[in-house]
Amino acid sequence: MKVDYIVVGIGLAGIGFCEQLRANNKTFVVFDDQSQRSSIVAGGLYNPVVLKRFTPVWKSDEQLLLASSLYSNLEKRLKVKLDYKIPVYRKFTSFEEQNDWYTASDKPQLTKYLSTSLIRNNNNAVNAPYGFGEVKYTGRIAVKKMVKAYKHELNQEGRLIESEFKHSMLHVINSDVTYNHIKAKNIVFTEGYNMSKNPFFTDLPLLPTKGELLTIHAPDLEIDYVLKGPVFLIPLKHHNYLVGATYGWGDTSNTISESAKIELSDKLKTLINCPFEVVDQVAGVRPTVKDRRPLVGRHATHGNLYVFNGLGTRGVMIAPYVAKQLFEYIEFNTPLDKDIDIKRFDD
């Protein structure tokens, strides 16, 4: 079998890059061994503002534009609802935070994203005496549903190979790579934290960050917005809500923990005043980088091996933007943004 690309991994990065390949009529196959838990357990929020410090997300305008287009196209083609537009309310903890919000809303990069109208809290089930600030152009992508539908489509097209990719079986011969019976011009590794097992990119500073989420049932809460306080609270259906997330630095297990359940529950109790029941808990390891920028680029020796990783907690927003950057770098030799190029770690 001869193809233009082999893609290893089908989380947010893999889907983003495959969509670039589709748009440019490139042939490809995808390897997936169902080990990428971080995309499956992601809350799926897209939000152009860092709500801890009221600062803009890196390249937020470009990211939102590309993400909106990609997920809209996927919804139409896969015939599933993926993009749920929903405002994000940031809980204020003091009058000082209200003032900081108003100051931030005057900054050019934030004006269109931060509402200057203070929202008063009229819900007795929510503990927010200082009210909220609303972030615009936000929403949630149903990531688990998207990955499932996308893999089904790949399988129907004969592009999906559901088995572990064994790096030792990859051979680079001149301008091609071969793996078993497959010959390709290029291979792109979008493996998430499994990149730690990839001998071609072991020198890159990928950090494991375990995240855990709860699903709670809270019939008395009745909110139709994402609430950001000490945790994110994301409404689902039937009075269920996602609560997250934890940050377990250095933990590479995908098993849920009682400590995370207690941590999230305790923080939630400071945010809401109504009873709730924990009905589910999930865990996954995020691929993160110390400087909070993705790892993208070409292998130093093998010119047709590429990496696309380290999306961290904002994968649904950043993946389409970085995928476009990488495709244009490979096909047209367009320089990568220096903030994401793995060459930044050469020194």
C-alpha atoms as a PDB file:
ATOM      1  CA  MET A   1       0.000   0.000   0.000  1.00  0.00           C
ATOM      2  CA  LYS A   2       1.349   3.433  -0.949  1.00  0.00           C
ATOM      3  CA  VAL A   3       0.060   6.587   0.751  1.00  0.00           C
ATOM      4  CA  ASP A   4       1.210  10.147   1.233  1.00  0.00           C
ATOM      5  CA  TYR A   5       1.055  10.013   5.029  1.00  0.00           C
ATOM      6  CA  ILE A   6       0.968   7.673   7.999  1.00  0.00           C
ATOM      7  CA  VAL A   7      -0.598   9.289  11.073  1.00  0.00           C
ATOM      8  CA  VAL A   8       0.002   7.632  14.453  1.00  0.00           C
ATOM      9  CA  GLY A   9      -2.736   8.448  16.959  1.00  0.00           C
ATOM     10  CA  ILE A  10      -6.249   9.810  16.560  1.00  0.00           C
ATOM     11  CA  GLY A  11      -6.941  12.254  19.355  1.00  0.00           C
ATOM     12  CA  LEU A  12      -7.440  15.981  18.825  1.00  0.00           C
ATOM     13  CA  ALA A  13      -4.055  16.430  17.150  1.00  0.00           C
ATOM     14  CA  GLY A  14      -4.560  13.454  14.844  1.00  0.00           C
ATOM     15  CA  ILE A  15      -8.032  14.573  13.783  1.00  0.00           C
ATOM     16  CA  GLY A  16      -6.814  18.118  13.178  1.00  0.00           C
ATOM     17  CA  PHE A  17      -3.985  16.914  10.947  1.00  0.00           C
ATOM     18  CA  CYS A  18      -6.113  14.367   9.086  1.00  0.00           C
ATOM     19  CA  GLU A  19      -8.536  17.148   8.231  1.00  0.00           C
ATOM     20  CA  GLN A  20      -5.685  19.067   6.631  1.00  0.00           C
ATOM     21  CA  LEU A  21      -4.832  15.965   4.595  1.00  0.00           C
ATOM     22  CA  ARG A  22      -8.444  15.564   3.472  1.00  0.00           C
ATOM     23  CA  ALA A  23      -8.731  19.222   2.485  1.00  0.00           C
ATOM     24  CA  ASN A  24      -5.621  18.900   0.324  1.00  0.00           C
ATOM     25  CA  ASN A  25      -6.471  15.520  -1.243  1.00  0.00           C
ATOM     26  CA  LYS A  26      -3.641  13.615   0.403  1.00  0.00           C
ATOM     27  CA  THR A  27      -3.866   9.856   0.918  1.00  0.00           C
ATOM     28  CA  PHE A  28      -3.273   8.552   4.424  1.00  0.00           C
ATOM     29  CA  VAL A  29      -3.772   5.782   6.974  1.00  0.00           C
ATOM     30  CA  VAL A  30      -4.122   6.133  10.730  1.00  0.00           C
ATOM     31  CA  PHE A  31      -2.825   3.839  13.469  1.00  0.00           C
ATOM     32  CA  ASP A  32      -4.766   3.769  16.719  1.00  0.00           C
ATOM     33  CA  ASP A  33      -4.536   1.384  19.665  1.00  0.00           C
ATOM     34  CA  GLN A  34      -7.141   3.151  21.860  1.00  0.00           C
ATOM     35  CA  SER A  35      -4.468   4.290  24.295  1.00  0.00           C
ATOM     36  CA  GLN A  36      -5.123   8.042  23.925  1.00  0.00           C
ATOM     37  CA  ARG A  37      -7.217   8.743  26.960  1.00  0.00           C
ATOM     38  CA  SER A  38      -6.600  12.480  27.280  1.00  0.00           C
ATOM     39  CA  SER A  39      -8.818  13.422  24.309  1.00  0.00           C
ATOM     40  CA  ILE A  40     -11.551  10.994  25.324  1.00  0.00           C
ATOM     41  CA  VAL A  41     -11.823  12.347  28.878  1.00  0.00           C
ATOM     42  CA  ALA A  42     -11.372  16.024  27.946  1.00  0.00           C
ATOM     43  CA  GLY A  43     -13.977  18.529  29.090  1.00  0.00           C
ATOM     44  CA  GLY A  44     -13.842  19.978  25.582  1.00  0.00           C
ATOM     45  CA  LEU A  45     -14.111  23.667  26.464  1.00  0.00           C
ATOM     46  CA  TYR A  46     -12.909  26.335  24.097  1.00  0.00           C
ATOM     47  CA  ASN A  47     -12.353  29.700  25.706  1.00  0.00           C
ATOM     48  CA  PRO A  48     -10.136  32.537  24.385  1.00  0.00           C
ATOM     49  CA  VAL A  49      -9.265  33.961  27.825  1.00  0.00           C
ATOM     50  CA  VAL A  50      -6.964  32.748  30.606  1.00  0.00           C
ATOM     51  CA  LEU A  51      -9.434  33.214  33.441  1.00  0.00           C
ATOM     52  CA  LYS A  52      -6.951  33.027  36.282  1.00  0.00           C
ATOM     53  CA  ARG A  53      -5.163  36.181  35.145  1.00  0.00           C
ATOM     54  CA  PHE A  54      -7.659  37.740  32.671  1.00  0.00           C
ATOM     55  CA  THR A  55      -5.206  37.543  29.768  1.00  0.00           C
ATOM     56  CA  PRO A  56      -5.743  36.454  26.147  1.00  0.00           C
ATOM     57  CA  VAL A  57      -4.982  32.905  25.083  1.00  0.00           C
ATOM     58  CA  TRP A  58      -2.017  32.693  22.687  1.00  0.00           C
ATOM     59  CA  LYS A  59      -3.198  33.249  19.078  1.00  0.00           C
ATOM     60  CA  SER A  60      -6.811  33.183  20.267  1.00  0.00           C
ATOM     61  CA  ASP A  61      -8.295  34.950  17.216  1.00  0.00           C
ATOM     62  CA  GLU A  62      -6.610  32.626  14.729  1.00  0.00           C
ATOM     63  CA  GLN A  63      -7.366  29.543  16.791  1.00  0.00           C
ATOM     64  CA  LEU A  64     -11.077  30.286  17.169  1.00  0.00           C
ATOM     65  CA  LEU A  65     -11.524  30.989  13.463  1.00  0.00           C
ATOM     66  CA  LEU A  66      -9.951  27.704  12.360  1.00  0.00           C
ATOM     67  CA  ALA A  67     -11.559  25.668  15.139  1.00  0.00           C
ATOM     68  CA  SER A  68     -15.039  26.948  14.341  1.00  0.00           C
ATOM     69  CA  SER A  69     -14.642  26.031  10.682  1.00  0.00           C
ATOM     70  CA  LEU A  70     -13.221  22.578  11.380  1.00  0.00           C
ATOM     71  CA  TYR A  71     -15.868  21.502  13.888  1.00  0.00           C
ATOM     72  CA  SER A  72     -18.673  22.886  11.733  1.00  0.00           C
ATOM     73  CA  ASN A  73     -17.412  20.856   8.772  1.00  0.00           C
ATOM     74  CA  LEU A  74     -17.103  17.734  10.911  1.00  0.00           C
ATOM     75  CA  GLU A  75     -20.652  18.121  12.205  1.00  0.00           C
ATOM     76  CA  LYS A  76     -22.012  18.238   8.675  1.00  0.00           C
ATOM     77  CA  ARG A  77     -19.929  15.359   7.351  1.00  0.00           C
ATOM     78  CA  LEU A  78     -20.212  13.026  10.360  1.00  0.00           C
ATOM     79  CA  LYS A  79     -23.862  13.981  10.972  1.00  0.00           C
ATOM     80  CA  VAL A  80     -23.369  14.409  14.723  1.00  0.00           C
ATOM     81  CA  LYS A  81     -23.780  17.420  17.006  1.00  0.00           C
ATOM     82  CA  LEU A  82     -20.329  18.390  18.296  1.00  0.00           C
ATOM     83  CA  ASP A  83     -20.206  22.138  18.961  1.00  0.00           C
ATOM     84  CA  TYR A  84     -22.351  23.348  21.860  1.00  0.00           C
ATOM     85  CA  LYS A  85     -22.254  27.141  22.106  1.00  0.00           C
ATOM     86  CA  ILE A  86     -22.422  28.109  25.758  1.00  0.00           C
ATOM     87  CA  PRO A  87     -21.204  31.167  27.688  1.00  0.00           C
ATOM     88  CA  VAL A  88     -18.558  30.925  30.377  1.00  0.00           C
ATOM     89  CA  TYR A  89     -19.237  32.825  33.611  1.00  0.00           C
ATOM     90  CA  ARG A  90     -16.191  33.629  35.725  1.00  0.00           C
ATOM     91  CA  LYS A  91     -17.093  33.892  39.406  1.00  0.00           C
ATOM     92  CA  PHE A  92     -15.681  37.001  41.107  1.00  0.00           C
ATOM     93  CA  THR A  93     -14.301  36.524  44.600  1.00  0.00           C
ATOM     94  CA  SER A  94     -14.004  40.223  45.483  1.00  0.00           C
ATOM     95  CA  PHE A  95     -14.637  43.778  44.325  1.00  0.00           C
ATOM     96  CA  GLU A  96     -10.951  43.900  43.378  1.00  0.00           C
ATOM     97  CA  GLU A  97     -11.492  41.060  40.880  1.00  0.00           C
ATOM     98  CA  GLN A  98     -14.429  42.933  39.380  1.00  0.00           C
ATOM     99  CA  ASN A  99     -12.159  45.945  38.865  1.00  0.00           C
ATOM    100  CA  ASP A 100      -9.427  43.752  37.359  1.00  0.00           C
ATOM    101  CA  TRP A 101     -11.999  42.367  34.915  1.00  0.00           C
ATOM    102  CA  TYR A 102     -13.084  45.832  33.793  1.00  0.00           C
ATOM    103  CA  THR A 103      -9.449  46.864  33.350  1.00  0.00           C
ATOM    104  CA  ALA A 104      -8.744  43.768  31.254  1.00  0.00           C
ATOM    105  CA  SER A 105     -11.829  44.332  29.090  1.00  0.00           C
ATOM    106  CA  ASP A 106     -10.306  47.599  27.831  1.00  0.00           C
ATOM    107  CA  LYS A 107      -7.287  45.809  26.365  1.00  0.00           C
ATOM    108  CA  PRO A 108      -7.481  45.470  22.555  1.00  0.00           C
ATOM    109  CA  GLN A 109      -7.013  41.690  22.526  1.00  0.00           C
ATOM    110  CA  LEU A 110      -9.758  41.154  25.113  1.00  0.00           C
ATOM    111  CA  THR A 111     -12.427  43.753  24.311  1.00  0.00           C
ATOM    112  CA  LYS A 112     -14.549  41.460  22.144  1.00  0.00           C
ATOM    113  CA  TYR A 113     -14.241  38.518  24.529  1.00  0.00           C
ATOM    114  CA  LEU A 114     -14.979  40.063  27.944  1.00  0.00           C
ATOM    115  CA  SER A 115     -18.434  41.475  28.590  1.00  0.00           C
ATOM    116  CA  THR A 116     -18.401  44.698  30.591  1.00  0.00           C
ATOM    117  CA  SER A 117     -21.834  43.992  32.074  1.00  0.00           C
ATOM    118  CA  LEU A 118     -21.609  42.566  35.572  1.00  0.00           C
ATOM    119  CA  ILE A 119     -23.921  39.572  35.949  1.00  0.00           C
ATOM    120  CA  ARG A 120     -25.553  39.343  39.360  1.00  0.00           C
ATOM    121  CA  ASN A 121     -26.135  35.941  40.859  1.00  0.00           C
ATOM    122  CA  ASN A 122     -29.839  35.165  41.340  1.00  0.00           C
ATOM    123  CA  ASN A 123     -29.405  31.419  41.824  1.00  0.00           C
ATOM    124  CA  ASN A 124     -29.508  30.350  45.468  1.00  0.00           C
ATOM    125  CA  ALA A 125     -27.755  27.119  44.546  1.00  0.00           C
ATOM    126  CA  VAL A 126     -24.628  29.040  43.471  1.00  0.00           C
ATOM    127  CA  ASN A 127     -22.286  30.743  45.913  1.00  0.00           C
ATOM    128  CA  ALA A 128     -21.305  33.958  44.124  1.00  0.00           C
ATOM    129  CA  PRO A 129     -22.038  37.121  46.160  1.00  0.00           C
ATOM    130  CA  TYR A 130     -19.827  39.250  43.881  1.00  0.00           C
ATOM    131  CA  GLY A 131     -21.463  38.004  40.697  1.00  0.00           C
ATOM    132  CA  PHE A 132     -19.866  36.941  37.421  1.00  0.00           C
ATOM    133  CA  GLY A 133     -18.113  38.190  34.326  1.00  0.00           C
ATOM    134  CA  GLU A 134     -19.172  36.646  30.996  1.00  0.00           C
ATOM    135  CA  VAL A 135     -16.694  35.415  28.386  1.00  0.00           C
ATOM    136  CA  LYS A 136     -18.004  35.510  24.808  1.00  0.00           C
ATOM    137  CA  TYR A 137     -17.315  33.164  21.874  1.00  0.00           C
ATOM    138  CA  THR A 138     -17.037  30.123  24.110  1.00  0.00           C
ATOM    139  CA  GLY A 139     -18.454  26.623  23.957  1.00  0.00           C
ATOM    140  CA  ARG A 140     -17.857  22.932  24.375  1.00  0.00           C
ATOM    141  CA  ILE A 141     -16.867  20.294  21.844  1.00  0.00           C
ATOM    142  CA  ALA A 142     -18.169  16.781  22.506  1.00  0.00           C
ATOM    143  CA  VAL A 143     -14.703  15.297  22.108  1.00  0.00           C
ATOM    144  CA  LYS A 144     -15.490  11.697  23.013  1.00  0.00           C
ATOM    145  CA  LYS A 145     -18.391  11.633  20.545  1.00  0.00           C
ATOM    146  CA  MET A 146     -16.226  13.238  17.870  1.00  0.00           C
ATOM    147  CA  VAL A 147     -13.358  10.750  18.253  1.00  0.00           C
ATOM    148  CA  LYS A 148     -15.794   7.827  18.089  1.00  0.00           C
ATOM    149  CA  ALA A 149     -17.544   9.147  14.963  1.00  0.00           C
ATOM    150  CA  TYR A 150     -14.263  10.046  13.295  1.00  0.00           C
ATOM    151  CA  LYS A 151     -12.786   6.601  13.886  1.00  0.00           C
ATOM    152  CA  HIS A 152     -15.951   5.011  12.499  1.00  0.00           C
ATOM    153  CA  GLU A 153     -15.585   7.077   9.333  1.00  0.00           C
ATOM    154  CA  LEU A 154     -11.901   6.169   8.991  1.00  0.00           C
ATOM    155  CA  ASN A 155     -12.772   2.522   9.436  1.00  0.00           C
ATOM    156  CA  GLN A 156     -15.494   2.700   6.783  1.00  0.00           C
ATOM    157  CA  GLU A 157     -12.989   4.249   4.393  1.00  0.00           C
ATOM    158  CA  GLY A 158     -10.349   1.593   5.072  1.00  0.00           C
ATOM    159  CA  ARG A 159      -7.951   4.163   6.536  1.00  0.00           C
ATOM    160  CA  LEU A 160      -7.929   2.954  10.164  1.00  0.00           C
ATOM    161  CA  ILE A 161      -5.482   0.352  11.462  1.00  0.00           C
ATOM    162  CA  GLU A 162      -6.460  -0.562  15.000  1.00  0.00           C
ATOM    163  CA  SER A 163      -3.238  -1.926  16.396  1.00  0.00           C
ATOM    164  CA  GLU A 164      -0.234  -0.760  18.361  1.00  0.00           C
ATOM    165  CA  PHE A 165       2.361   1.059  16.286  1.00  0.00           C
ATOM    166  CA  LYS A 166       5.733  -0.596  16.875  1.00  0.00           C
ATOM    167  CA  HIS A 167       8.429   1.985  16.263  1.00  0.00           C
ATOM    168  CA  SER A 168      11.103  -0.671  15.773  1.00  0.00           C
ATOM    169  CA  MET A 169       9.301  -1.808  12.609  1.00  0.00           C
ATOM    170  CA  LEU A 170       9.511   1.621  10.968  1.00  0.00           C
ATOM    171  CA  HIS A 171      12.200   1.922   8.304  1.00  0.00           C
ATOM    172  CA  VAL A 172      13.340   5.118   6.633  1.00  0.00           C
ATOM    173  CA  ILE A 173      14.614   4.478   3.121  1.00  0.00           C
ATOM    174  CA  ASN A 174      15.697   7.512   1.116  1.00  0.00           C
ATOM    175  CA  SER A 175      12.616   9.699   0.680  1.00  0.00           C
ATOM    176  CA  ASP A 176      10.092   7.119   1.952  1.00  0.00           C
ATOM    177  CA  VAL A 177       9.138   5.416   5.186  1.00  0.00           C
ATOM    178  CA  THR A 178       7.913   1.829   5.311  1.00  0.00           C
ATOM    179  CA  TYR A 179       5.968  -0.014   7.963  1.00  0.00           C
ATOM    180  CA  ASN A 180       4.978  -3.606   7.216  1.00  0.00           C
ATOM    181  CA  HIS A 181       3.264  -3.428   3.830  1.00  0.00           C
ATOM    182  CA  ILE A 182       2.759   0.371   3.919  1.00  0.00           C
ATOM    183  CA  LYS A 183       5.005   2.847   2.136  1.00  0.00           C
ATOM    184  CA  ALA A 184       4.523   6.564   2.789  1.00  0.00           C
ATOM    185  CA  LYS A 185       6.192   9.843   1.961  1.00  0.00           C
ATOM    186  CA  ASN A 186       5.840  11.144   5.522  1.00  0.00           C
ATOM    187  CA  ILE A 187       4.815   9.991   8.978  1.00  0.00           C
ATOM    188  CA  VAL A 188       3.328  12.251  11.643  1.00  0.00           C
ATOM    189  CA  PHE A 189       3.289  11.147  15.281  1.00  0.00           C
ATOM    190  CA  THR A 190       0.263  12.492  17.171  1.00  0.00           C
ATOM    191  CA  GLU A 191       0.555  10.036  20.041  1.00  0.00           C
ATOM    192  CA  GLY A 192      -0.218  12.150  23.075  1.00  0.00           C
ATOM    193  CA  TYR A 193       1.699  11.084  26.141  1.00  0.00           C
ATOM    194  CA  ASN A 194       2.595   7.808  24.392  1.00  0.00           C
ATOM    195  CA  MET A 195       5.282   9.860  22.691  1.00  0.00           C
ATOM    196  CA  SER A 196       7.393   8.992  25.736  1.00  0.00           C
ATOM    197  CA  LYS A 197       7.787   5.546  24.136  1.00  0.00           C
ATOM    198  CA  ASN A 198       8.739   6.957  20.721  1.00  0.00           C
ATOM    199  CA  PRO A 199      12.512   6.488  20.232  1.00  0.00           C
ATOM    200  CA  PHE A 200      12.637   9.192  17.554  1.00  0.00           C
ATOM    201  CA  PHE A 201      11.469  12.009  19.850  1.00  0.00           C
ATOM    202  CA  THR A 202      12.475  10.953  23.367  1.00  0.00           C
ATOM    203  CA  ASP A 203      14.579  14.094  23.836  1.00  0.00           C
ATOM    204  CA  LEU A 204      11.553  16.408  23.743  1.00  0.00           C
ATOM    205  CA  PRO A 205      10.347  17.752  27.129  1.00  0.00           C
ATOM    206  CA  LEU A 206       6.863  16.260  27.209  1.00  0.00           C
ATOM    207  CA  LEU A 207       5.401  16.237  30.713  1.00  0.00           C
ATOM    208  CA  PRO A 208       2.677  13.876  31.914  1.00  0.00           C
ATOM    209  CA  THR A 209      -0.167  15.701  33.641  1.00  0.00           C
ATOM    210  CA  LYS A 210      -2.955  13.463  34.852  1.00  0.00           C
ATOM    211  CA  GLY A 211      -6.410  15.012  34.782  1.00  0.00           C
ATOM    212  CA  GLU A 212      -9.538  13.670  36.451  1.00  0.00           C
ATOM    213  CA  LEU A 213     -13.140  14.739  35.916  1.00  0.00           C
ATOM    214  CA  LEU A 214     -16.307  14.038  37.830  1.00  0.00           C
ATOM    215  CA  THR A 215     -19.849  13.847  36.508  1.00  0.00           C
ATOM    216  CA  ILE A 216     -22.360  14.917  39.121  1.00  0.00           C
ATOM    217  CA  HIS A 217     -26.146  14.845  39.289  1.00  0.00           C
ATOM    218  CA  ALA A 218     -27.549  18.041  40.842  1.00  0.00           C
ATOM    219  CA  PRO A 219     -31.282  18.570  40.140  1.00  0.00           C
ATOM    220  CA  ASP A 220     -31.452  21.814  42.158  1.00  0.00           C
ATOM    221  CA  LEU A 221     -28.540  23.547  40.432  1.00  0.00           C
ATOM    222  CA  GLU A 222     -30.214  24.491  37.141  1.00  0.00           C
ATOM    223  CA  ILE A 223     -27.534  26.515  35.345  1.00  0.00           C
ATOM    224  CA  ASP A 224     -27.262  26.856  31.579  1.00  0.00           C
ATOM    225  CA  TYR A 225     -23.747  28.305  31.461  1.00  0.00           C
ATOM    226  CA  VAL A 226     -20.247  27.071  32.234  1.00  0.00           C
ATOM    227  CA  LEU A 227     -19.307  28.261  35.705  1.00  0.00           C
ATOM    228  CA  LYS A 228     -15.625  28.916  36.456  1.00  0.00           C
ATOM    229  CA  GLY A 229     -14.599  29.173  40.079  1.00  0.00           C
ATOM    230  CA  PRO A 230     -12.118  26.920  41.869  1.00  0.00           C
ATOM    231  CA  VAL A 231     -13.261  24.298  39.337  1.00  0.00           C
ATOM    232  CA  PHE A 232     -15.056  24.338  36.000  1.00  0.00           C
ATOM    233  CA  LEU A 233     -18.710  23.288  36.141  1.00  0.00           C
ATOM    234  CA  ILE A 234     -20.068  22.319  32.727  1.00  0.00           C
ATOM    235  CA  PRO A 235     -23.778  21.560  32.191  1.00  0.00           C
ATOM    236  CA  LEU A 236     -24.693  18.383  30.317  1.00  0.00           C
ATOM    237  CA  LYS A 237     -28.185  16.881  30.053  1.00  0.00           C
ATOM    238  CA  HIS A 238     -30.707  15.673  32.645  1.00  0.00           C
ATOM    239  CA  HIS A 239     -29.274  17.793  35.501  1.00  0.00           C
ATOM    240  CA  ASN A 240     -25.809  16.302  35.056  1.00  0.00           C
ATOM    241  CA  TYR A 241     -22.636  18.403  35.127  1.00  0.00           C
ATOM    242  CA  LEU A 242     -18.935  17.860  34.468  1.00  0.00           C
ATOM    243  CA  VAL A 243     -16.620  19.009  37.254  1.00  0.00           C
ATOM    244  CA  GLY A 244     -12.909  19.411  36.677  1.00  0.00           C
ATOM    245  CA  ALA A 245     -10.210  19.145  36.463  1.00  0.00           C
ATOM    246  CA  THR A 246      -7.295  18.006  38.566  1.00  0.00           C
ATOM    247  CA  TYR A 247      -3.629  18.420  37.634  1.00  0.00           C
ATOM    248  CA  GLY A 248      -1.509  15.470  38.726  1.00  0.00           C
ATOM    249  CA  TRP A 249       2.026  16.376  37.632  1.00  0.00           C
ATOM    250  CA  GLY A 250       4.145  13.346  36.807  1.00  0.00           C
ATOM    251  CA  ASP A 251       1.337  10.799  37.219  1.00  0.00           C
ATOM    252  CA  THR A 252       1.131   8.530  34.151  1.00  0.00           C
ATOM    253  CA  SER A 253      -1.721   6.256  35.253  1.00  0.00           C
ATOM    254  CA  ASN A 254      -5.202   6.336  33.722  1.00  0.00           C
ATOM    255  CA  THR A 255      -6.867   5.045  36.888  1.00  0.00           C
ATOM    256  CA  ILE A 256      -9.250   7.197  38.889  1.00  0.00           C
ATOM    257  CA  SER A 257      -8.328   8.133  42.457  1.00  0.00           C
ATOM    258  CA  GLU A 258     -10.251   8.785  45.630  1.00  0.00           C
ATOM    259  CA  SER A 259      -7.994  11.768  46.365  1.00  0.00           C
ATOM    260  CA  ALA A 260      -9.060  13.484  43.128  1.00  0.00           C
ATOM    261  CA  LYS A 261     -12.709  12.810  43.889  1.00  0.00           C
ATOM    262  CA  ILE A 262     -12.323  14.395  47.318  1.00  0.00           C
ATOM    263  CA  GLU A 263     -10.352  17.361  45.941  1.00  0.00           C
ATOM    264  CA  LEU A 264     -12.929  18.164  43.259  1.00  0.00           C
ATOM    265  CA  SER A 265     -15.884  17.584  45.599  1.00  0.00           C
ATOM    266  CA  ASP A 266     -14.418  19.869  48.278  1.00  0.00           C
ATOM    267  CA  LYS A 267     -13.790  22.665  45.766  1.00  0.00           C
ATOM    268  CA  LEU A 268     -17.261  22.212  44.310  1.00  0.00           C
ATOM    269  CA  LYS A 269     -18.824  22.615  47.751  1.00  0.00           C
ATOM    270  CA  THR A 270     -17.371  26.128  47.954  1.00  0.00           C
ATOM    271  CA  LEU A 271     -18.967  26.959  44.593  1.00  0.00           C
ATOM    272  CA  ILE A 272     -22.491  25.562  44.943  1.00  0.00           C
ATOM    273  CA  ASN A 273     -24.938  25.351  47.846  1.00  0.00           C
ATOM    274  CA  CYS A 274     -27.083  22.418  46.758  1.00  0.00           C
ATOM    275  CA  PRO A 275     -26.816  18.635  47.161  1.00  0.00           C
ATOM    276  CA  PHE A 276     -25.071  16.637  44.440  1.00  0.00           C
ATOM    277  CA  GLU A 277     -24.248  13.022  43.714  1.00  0.00           C
ATOM    278  CA  VAL A 278     -21.093  11.854  41.949  1.00  0.00           C
ATOM    279  CA  VAL A 279     -22.256   9.493  39.186  1.00  0.00           C
ATOM    280  CA  ASP A 280     -19.032   9.040  37.207  1.00  0.00           C
ATOM    281  CA  GLN A 281     -15.305   9.710  37.339  1.00  0.00           C
ATOM    282  CA  VAL A 282     -12.737   9.484  34.531  1.00  0.00           C
ATOM    283  CA  ALA A 283      -8.991  10.013  34.239  1.00  0.00           C
ATOM    284  CA  GLY A 284      -6.460  10.567  31.459  1.00  0.00           C
ATOM    285  CA  VAL A 285      -2.893  11.781  31.036  1.00  0.00           C
ATOM    286  CA  ARG A 286      -2.501  15.094  29.207  1.00  0.00           C
ATOM    287  CA  PRO A 287       0.609  15.713  27.103  1.00  0.00           C
ATOM    288  CA  THR A 288       1.855  19.050  28.423  1.00  0.00           C
ATOM    289  CA  VAL A 289       4.939  21.203  27.968  1.00  0.00           C
ATOM    290  CA  LYS A 290       6.558  23.507  30.521  1.00  0.00           C
ATOM    291  CA  ASP A 291       6.207  26.602  28.326  1.00  0.00           C
ATOM    292  CA  ARG A 292       2.579  25.698  27.500  1.00  0.00           C
ATOM    293  CA  ARG A 293       3.212  25.558  23.764  1.00  0.00           C
ATOM    294  CA  PRO A 294       2.825  22.487  21.514  1.00  0.00           C
ATOM    295  CA  LEU A 295       5.694  20.376  20.245  1.00  0.00           C
ATOM    296  CA  VAL A 296       5.694  20.525  16.445  1.00  0.00           C
ATOM    297  CA  GLY A 297       8.380  19.888  13.880  1.00  0.00           C
ATOM    298  CA  ARG A 298      10.677  17.647  11.892  1.00  0.00           C
ATOM    299  CA  HIS A 299      13.106  15.013  13.153  1.00  0.00           C
ATOM    300  CA  ALA A 300      16.687  16.302  13.141  1.00  0.00           C
ATOM    301  CA  THR A 301      18.007  13.386  11.058  1.00  0.00           C
ATOM    302  CA  HIS A 302      15.036  11.837   9.255  1.00  0.00           C
ATOM    303  CA  GLY A 303      13.431  14.522   7.121  1.00  0.00           C
ATOM    304  CA  ASN A 304      10.096  12.746   6.702  1.00  0.00           C
ATOM    305  CA  LEU A 305       9.373  12.082  10.400  1.00  0.00           C
ATOM    306  CA  TYR A 306       7.278  14.709  12.182  1.00  0.00           C
ATOM    307  CA  VAL A 307       5.814  15.263  15.625  1.00  0.00           C
ATOM    308  CA  PHE A 308       2.586  17.034  16.639  1.00  0.00           C
ATOM    309  CA  ASN A 309       2.051  16.883  20.385  1.00  0.00           C
ATOM    310  CA  GLY A 310       1.826  18.746  23.687  1.00  0.00           C
ATOM    311  CA  LEU A 311      -1.597  20.354  23.240  1.00  0.00           C
ATOM    312  CA  GLY A 312      -2.189  20.464  26.997  1.00  0.00           C
ATOM    313  CA  THR A 313      -5.534  21.646  28.348  1.00  0.00           C
ATOM    314  CA  ARG A 314      -6.626  23.744  25.340  1.00  0.00           C
ATOM    315  CA  GLY A 315      -6.501  21.062  22.679  1.00  0.00           C
ATOM    316  CA  VAL A 316      -9.891  21.703  21.077  1.00  0.00           C
ATOM    317  CA  MET A 317      -8.889  25.292  20.294  1.00  0.00           C
ATOM    318  CA  ILE A 318      -5.258  24.917  19.392  1.00  0.00           C
ATOM    319  CA  ALA A 319      -5.265  21.645  17.408  1.00  0.00           C
ATOM    320  CA  PRO A 320      -6.740  22.993  14.125  1.00  0.00           C
ATOM    321  CA  TYR A 321      -4.362  25.990  14.117  1.00  0.00           C
ATOM    322  CA  VAL A 322      -1.250  23.902  14.753  1.00  0.00           C
ATOM    323  CA  ALA A 323      -2.357  21.229  12.262  1.00  0.00           C
ATOM    324  CA  LYS A 324      -2.509  23.855   9.516  1.00  0.00           C
ATOM    325  CA  GLN A 325       0.909  25.183  10.495  1.00  0.00           C
ATOM    326  CA  LEU A 326       2.439  21.705  10.341  1.00  0.00           C
ATOM    327  CA  PHE A 327       0.844  20.762   7.013  1.00  0.00           C
ATOM    328  CA  GLU A 328       2.064  23.947   5.347  1.00  0.00           C
ATOM    329  CA  TYR A 329       5.514  23.415   6.848  1.00  0.00           C
ATOM    330  CA  ILE A 330       5.734  19.905   5.386  1.00  0.00           C
ATOM    331  CA  GLU A 331       4.191  20.589   1.990  1.00  0.00           C
ATOM    332  CA  PHE A 332       5.248  24.164   1.262  1.00  0.00           C
ATOM    333  CA  ASN A 333       8.222  24.649   3.575  1.00  0.00           C
ATOM    334  CA  THR A 334       6.377  27.501   5.304  1.00  0.00           C
ATOM    335  CA  PRO A 335       8.241  28.288   8.548  1.00  0.00           C
ATOM    336  CA  LEU A 336       6.605  27.142  11.750  1.00  0.00           C
ATOM    337  CA  ASP A 337       5.737  29.684  14.407  1.00  0.00           C
ATOM    338  CA  LYS A 338       8.840  29.842  16.596  1.00  0.00           C
ATOM    339  CA  ASP A 339       6.692  29.421  19.718  1.00  0.00           C
ATOM    340  CA  ILE A 340       5.720  25.873  18.716  1.00  0.00           C
ATOM    341  CA  ASP A 341       8.736  24.681  16.717  1.00  0.00           C
ATOM    342  CA  ILE A 342      10.652  21.940  18.542  1.00  0.00           C
ATOM    343  CA  LYS A 343      13.858  23.709  17.488  1.00  0.00           C
ATOM    344  CA  ARG A 344      13.310  26.040  20.448  1.00  0.00           C
ATOM    345  CA  PHE A 345      14.765  23.271  22.615  1.00  0.00           C
ATOM    346  CA  ASP A 346      17.941  22.833  20.581  1.00  0.00           C
ATOM    347  CA  ASP A 347      20.035  25.081  22.813  1.00  0.00           C
END
